[in-house]
C-alpha atoms as a PDB file:
ATOM      1  CA  MET A   1     270.277  59.884 194.492  1.00  0.00           C
ATOM      2  CA  ALA A   2     271.047  63.519 193.890  1.00  0.00           C
ATOM      3  CA  ALA A   3     268.520  65.747 192.124  1.00  0.00           C
ATOM      4  CA  THR A   4     270.841  66.191 189.135  1.00  0.00           C
ATOM      5  CA  THR A   5     271.176  62.416 188.712  1.00  0.00           C
ATOM      6  CA  ILE A   6     267.416  61.930 188.824  1.00  0.00           C
ATOM      7  CA  ASN A   7     266.855  64.780 186.360  1.00  0.00           C
ATOM      8  CA  ARG A   8     269.468  63.364 183.947  1.00  0.00           C
ATOM      9  CA  ARG A   9     267.828  59.954 183.999  1.00  0.00           C
ATOM     10  CA  LEU A  10     264.360  61.464 183.580  1.00  0.00           C
ATOM     11  CA  ASN A  11     265.646  63.478 180.640  1.00  0.00           C
ATOM     12  CA  ALA A  12     266.957  60.298 178.981  1.00  0.00           C
ATOM     13  CA  ILE A  13     263.608  58.547 179.525  1.00  0.00           C
ATOM     14  CA  LYS A  14     261.753  61.605 178.210  1.00  0.00           C
ATOM     15  CA  HIS A  15     263.817  61.579 175.007  1.00  0.00           C
ATOM     16  CA  PHE A  16     263.150  57.859 174.586  1.00  0.00           C
ATOM     17  CA  PHE A  17     259.393  58.439 174.864  1.00  0.00           C
ATOM     18  CA  ASP A  18     259.702  61.401 172.466  1.00  0.00           C
ATOM     19  CA  TYR A  19     261.225  58.958 169.997  1.00  0.00           C
ATOM     20  CA  LEU A  20     258.332  56.528 170.517  1.00  0.00           C
ATOM     21  CA  VAL A  21     255.738  59.289 170.086  1.00  0.00           C
ATOM     22  CA  ILE A  22     257.241  61.108 167.104  1.00  0.00           C
ATOM     23  CA  ASP A  23     259.300  58.633 165.103  1.00  0.00           C
ATOM     24  CA  ARG A  24     257.683  55.268 165.750  1.00  0.00           C
ATOM     25  CA  GLN A  25     254.214  56.611 166.569  1.00  0.00           C
ATOM     26  CA  ASP A  26     253.666  53.791 169.083  1.00  0.00           C
ATOM     27  CA  LEU A  27     252.419  56.224 171.754  1.00  0.00           C
ATOM     28  CA  LYS A  28     250.024  59.155 171.653  1.00  0.00           C
ATOM     29  CA  ILE A  29     251.640  61.300 174.374  1.00  0.00           C
ATOM     30  CA  ASN A  30     254.860  61.369 176.331  1.00  0.00           C
ATOM     31  CA  PRO A  31     254.181  60.232 179.932  1.00  0.00           C
ATOM     32  CA  VAL A  32     257.184  62.174 181.305  1.00  0.00           C
ATOM     33  CA  LYS A  33     255.946  65.634 182.280  1.00  0.00           C
ATOM     34  CA  PRO A  34     258.019  68.684 183.272  1.00  0.00           C
ATOM     35  CA  SER A  35     256.499  68.427 186.752  1.00  0.00           C
ATOM     36  CA  HIS A  36     258.296  65.105 187.268  1.00  0.00           C
ATOM     37  CA  PHE A  37     261.699  66.791 187.277  1.00  0.00           C
ATOM     38  CA  LEU A  38     263.144  67.776 190.640  1.00  0.00           C
ATOM     39  CA  ARG A  39     263.962  71.359 191.448  1.00  0.00           C
ATOM     40  CA  ARG A  40     267.452  71.866 192.765  1.00  0.00           C
ATOM     41  CA  GLY A  41     267.633  74.087 195.795  1.00  0.00           C
ATOM     42  CA  ARG A  42     270.058  76.961 195.832  1.00  0.00           C
ATOM     43  CA  PRO A  43     271.844  77.731 199.082  1.00  0.00           C
ATOM     44  CA  LEU A  44     271.180  81.069 200.713  1.00  0.00           C
ATOM     45  CA  PRO A  45     274.034  83.563 200.852  1.00  0.00           C
ATOM     46  CA  LYS A  46     276.156  83.416 203.957  1.00  0.00           C
ATOM     47  CA  LYS A  47     275.351  85.907 206.681  1.00  0.00           C
ATOM     48  CA  LEU A  48     277.828  88.737 207.184  1.00  0.00           C
ATOM     49  CA  SER A  49     279.118  89.421 210.663  1.00  0.00           C
ATOM     50  CA  GLN A  50     278.490  92.811 212.251  1.00  0.00           C
ATOM     51  CA  GLU A  51     282.145  93.679 211.751  1.00  0.00           C
ATOM     52  CA  GLN A  52     281.977  92.831 208.038  1.00  0.00           C
ATOM     53  CA  VAL A  53     278.886  95.032 207.640  1.00  0.00           C
ATOM     54  CA  LYS A  54     280.694  97.908 209.373  1.00  0.00           C
ATOM     55  CA  GLN A  55     283.711  97.453 207.078  1.00  0.00           C
ATOM     56  CA  LEU A  56     281.453  97.437 204.029  1.00  0.00           C
ATOM     57  CA  PHE A  57     279.615 100.615 205.016  1.00  0.00           C
ATOM     58  CA  ALA A  58     282.884 102.333 205.954  1.00  0.00           C
ATOM     59  CA  GLN A  59     283.894 102.073 202.285  1.00  0.00           C
ATOM     60  CA  ILE A  60     280.728 103.839 201.052  1.00  0.00           C
ATOM     61  CA  GLU A  61     281.367 107.578 201.086  1.00  0.00           C
ATOM     62  CA  ASN A  62     278.480 109.026 199.086  1.00  0.00           C
ATOM     63  CA  PRO A  63     275.385 109.666 201.288  1.00  0.00           C
ATOM     64  CA  MET A  64     272.986 108.519 198.567  1.00  0.00           C
ATOM     65  CA  ASP A  65     274.860 105.246 198.039  1.00  0.00           C
ATOM     66  CA  HIS A  66     274.938 104.753 201.797  1.00  0.00           C
ATOM     67  CA  ALA A  67     271.166 105.259 202.038  1.00  0.00           C
ATOM     68  CA  LEU A  68     270.506 102.943 199.073  1.00  0.00           C
ATOM     69  CA  CYS A  69     272.541 100.120 200.599  1.00  0.00           C
ATOM     70  CA  LEU A  70     271.049 100.679 204.037  1.00  0.00           C
ATOM     71  CA  LEU A  71     267.486 100.417 202.682  1.00  0.00           C
ATOM     72  CA  MET A  72     268.357  97.149 200.972  1.00  0.00           C
ATOM     73  CA  LEU A  73     270.103  95.769 204.068  1.00  0.00           C
ATOM     74  CA  ARG A  74     267.800  96.936 206.865  1.00  0.00           C
ATOM     75  CA  CYS A  75     264.425  96.931 205.068  1.00  0.00           C
ATOM     76  CA  GLY A  76     264.953  94.078 202.620  1.00  0.00           C
ATOM     77  CA  LEU A  77     264.170  96.198 199.571  1.00  0.00           C
ATOM     78  CA  ARG A  78     265.193  95.058 196.115  1.00  0.00           C
ATOM     79  CA  VAL A  79     267.259  97.257 193.812  1.00  0.00           C
ATOM     80  CA  SER A  80     264.263  97.999 191.594  1.00  0.00           C
ATOM     81  CA  GLU A  81     262.138  98.912 194.626  1.00  0.00           C
ATOM     82  CA  VAL A  82     264.750 101.355 195.905  1.00  0.00           C
ATOM     83  CA  ALA A  83     265.148 102.927 192.462  1.00  0.00           C
ATOM     84  CA  LYS A  84     261.362 103.464 192.162  1.00  0.00           C
ATOM     85  CA  LEU A  85     260.967 104.892 195.678  1.00  0.00           C
ATOM     86  CA  LYS A  86     259.063 108.182 195.644  1.00  0.00           C
ATOM     87  CA  LEU A  87     259.182 111.040 198.083  1.00  0.00           C
ATOM     88  CA  SER A  88     255.468 110.606 198.751  1.00  0.00           C
ATOM     89  CA  ASP A  89     255.993 106.926 199.688  1.00  0.00           C
ATOM     90  CA  ILE A  90     257.926 107.856 202.829  1.00  0.00           C
ATOM     91  CA  ASP A  91     255.908 108.427 205.989  1.00  0.00           C
ATOM     92  CA  TRP A  92     258.264 110.346 208.274  1.00  0.00           C
ATOM     93  CA  GLU A  93     255.894 110.279 211.268  1.00  0.00           C
ATOM     94  CA  GLN A  94     255.260 106.517 211.167  1.00  0.00           C
ATOM     95  CA  LYS A  95     258.898 105.867 210.160  1.00  0.00           C
ATOM     96  CA  SER A  96     257.763 103.657 207.318  1.00  0.00           C
ATOM     97  CA  LEU A  97     257.664 103.583 203.570  1.00  0.00           C
ATOM     98  CA  LEU A  98     255.230 102.169 201.067  1.00  0.00           C
ATOM     99  CA  VAL A  99     256.659  99.835 198.455  1.00  0.00           C
ATOM    100  CA  GLU A 100     254.302  99.880 195.484  1.00  0.00           C
ATOM    101  CA  GLN A 101     254.160  96.960 193.091  1.00  0.00           C
ATOM    102  CA  GLY A 102     257.001  94.990 194.632  1.00  0.00           C
ATOM    103  CA  LYS A 103     257.641  91.338 193.959  1.00  0.00           C
ATOM    104  CA  GLY A 104     254.432  89.635 192.927  1.00  0.00           C
ATOM    105  CA  ARG A 105     252.942  93.051 192.095  1.00  0.00           C
ATOM    106  CA  LYS A 106     251.951  93.542 195.705  1.00  0.00           C
ATOM    107  CA  ASP A 107     252.095  96.706 197.775  1.00  0.00           C
ATOM    108  CA  ARG A 108     253.616  96.516 201.235  1.00  0.00           C
ATOM    109  CA  VAL A 109     254.610  98.784 204.094  1.00  0.00           C
ATOM    110  CA  VAL A 110     258.177  98.548 205.401  1.00  0.00           C
ATOM    111  CA  TYR A 111     259.311 100.093 208.668  1.00  0.00           C
ATOM    112  CA  LEU A 112     262.561 102.048 208.734  1.00  0.00           C
ATOM    113  CA  SER A 113     265.412 101.693 211.205  1.00  0.00           C
ATOM    114  CA  SER A 114     266.748 104.806 212.911  1.00  0.00           C
ATOM    115  CA  ASP A 115     269.990 104.804 210.899  1.00  0.00           C
ATOM    116  CA  ALA A 116     268.018 104.476 207.641  1.00  0.00           C
ATOM    117  CA  ILE A 117     265.922 107.516 208.597  1.00  0.00           C
ATOM    118  CA  ILE A 118     269.067 109.550 209.322  1.00  0.00           C
ATOM    119  CA  ASP A 119     270.542 108.620 205.928  1.00  0.00           C
ATOM    120  CA  LEU A 120     267.282 109.362 204.100  1.00  0.00           C
ATOM    121  CA  LYS A 121     267.084 112.813 205.694  1.00  0.00           C
ATOM    122  CA  ALA A 122     270.702 113.490 204.672  1.00  0.00           C
ATOM    123  CA  CYS A 123     269.805 112.504 201.090  1.00  0.00           C
ATOM    124  CA  LEU A 124     266.719 114.708 201.196  1.00  0.00           C
ATOM    125  CA  GLU A 125     268.897 117.723 201.952  1.00  0.00           C
ATOM    126  CA  LEU A 126     271.146 116.937 198.958  1.00  0.00           C
ATOM    127  CA  ARG A 127     268.283 116.084 196.582  1.00  0.00           C
ATOM    128  CA  PRO A 128     268.199 118.382 193.547  1.00  0.00           C
ATOM    129  CA  ALA A 129     264.917 119.975 192.498  1.00  0.00           C
ATOM    130  CA  SER A 130     265.225 118.564 188.970  1.00  0.00           C
ATOM    131  CA  VAL A 131     264.604 114.932 189.983  1.00  0.00           C
ATOM    132  CA  PRO A 132     261.696 113.638 187.840  1.00  0.00           C
ATOM    133  CA  ASP A 133     258.377 112.095 188.926  1.00  0.00           C
ATOM    134  CA  ASP A 134     258.702 112.755 192.667  1.00  0.00           C
ATOM    135  CA  LEU A 135     261.415 110.049 192.816  1.00  0.00           C
ATOM    136  CA  PHE A 136     263.515 110.071 195.973  1.00  0.00           C
ATOM    137  CA  PHE A 137     266.817 108.943 194.437  1.00  0.00           C
ATOM    138  CA  TRP A 138     268.383 110.494 191.376  1.00  0.00           C
ATOM    139  CA  ASN A 139     270.990 109.864 188.739  1.00  0.00           C
ATOM    140  CA  ARG A 140     274.094 111.724 189.928  1.00  0.00           C
ATOM    141  CA  LYS A 141     275.465 112.388 186.442  1.00  0.00           C
ATOM    142  CA  ARG A 142     272.135 113.454 184.933  1.00  0.00           C
ATOM    143  CA  THR A 143     269.923 114.800 187.704  1.00  0.00           C
ATOM    144  CA  GLY A 144     267.008 115.178 185.309  1.00  0.00           C
ATOM    145  CA  ARG A 145     266.846 111.410 184.819  1.00  0.00           C
ATOM    146  CA  ALA A 146     265.629 108.659 187.105  1.00  0.00           C
ATOM    147  CA  LEU A 147     268.004 106.273 188.806  1.00  0.00           C
ATOM    148  CA  SER A 148     268.520 103.199 186.622  1.00  0.00           C
ATOM    149  CA  THR A 149     268.483  99.620 187.857  1.00  0.00           C
ATOM    150  CA  LYS A 150     270.611  98.458 184.954  1.00  0.00           C
ATOM    151  CA  GLY A 151     274.343  98.923 184.658  1.00  0.00           C
ATOM    152  CA  ILE A 152     275.514 101.256 181.945  1.00  0.00           C
ATOM    153  CA  GLN A 153     276.937  99.420 178.993  1.00  0.00           C
ATOM    154  CA  LYS A 154     280.124 100.950 177.788  1.00  0.00           C
ATOM    155  CA  LYS A 155     280.661 101.214 174.091  1.00  0.00           C
ATOM    156  CA  VAL A 156     283.386  98.923 172.922  1.00  0.00           C
ATOM    157  CA  THR A 157     285.549 100.715 170.441  1.00  0.00           C
ATOM    158  CA  THR A 158     287.733  98.749 168.147  1.00  0.00           C
ATOM    159  CA  PRO A 159     291.126 100.159 167.300  1.00  0.00           C
ATOM    160  CA  PRO A 160     291.432 101.547 163.787  1.00  0.00           C
ATOM    161  CA  ALA A 161     292.651  99.066 161.221  1.00  0.00           C
ATOM    162  CA  ARG A 162     296.302  99.342 160.390  1.00  0.00           C
ATOM    163  CA  SER A 163     297.101 100.208 156.854  1.00  0.00           C
ATOM    164  CA  ARG A 164     299.382  97.795 155.101  1.00  0.00           C
ATOM    165  CA  ARG A 165     302.581  99.165 153.767  1.00  0.00           C
ATOM    166  CA  LEU A 166     303.558  98.064 150.363  1.00  0.00           C
ATOM    167  CA  ARG A 167     307.223  97.385 150.022  1.00  0.00           C
END
């Protein structure tokens, strides 16, 4: 049977035992535990071909965006890890960078590819002096603010109410 079928049937049995425990008070505890349910696996994303990767990066014109995407692709960094990357975390001689407090609150060292180093150096030349907290990447619209990992929510404006004409 599929995992969803098993979980549906377990859920029905769990509710029946909940009824016996709560309403009829025939049982002291429900024998169906959350650990009995099966976890459904999620398929991994499909791998892009080299040509598809080239087409994707050909569309990215801004050097900072190019470097951000390259760090995520080549080094396996998460969006939050790239946004929190500091200038002092990059070791130019060892061609590596330190990811502090990544997933699982663990620190790790990631080695950089040659194209990632070239893009990082290009970003370093463009980096404004007003970037806060020694962060490597900056907010392009407000250079005094850190790069955000959240999308900006646009304010939804409602059109003004129409006045009713009296006839």
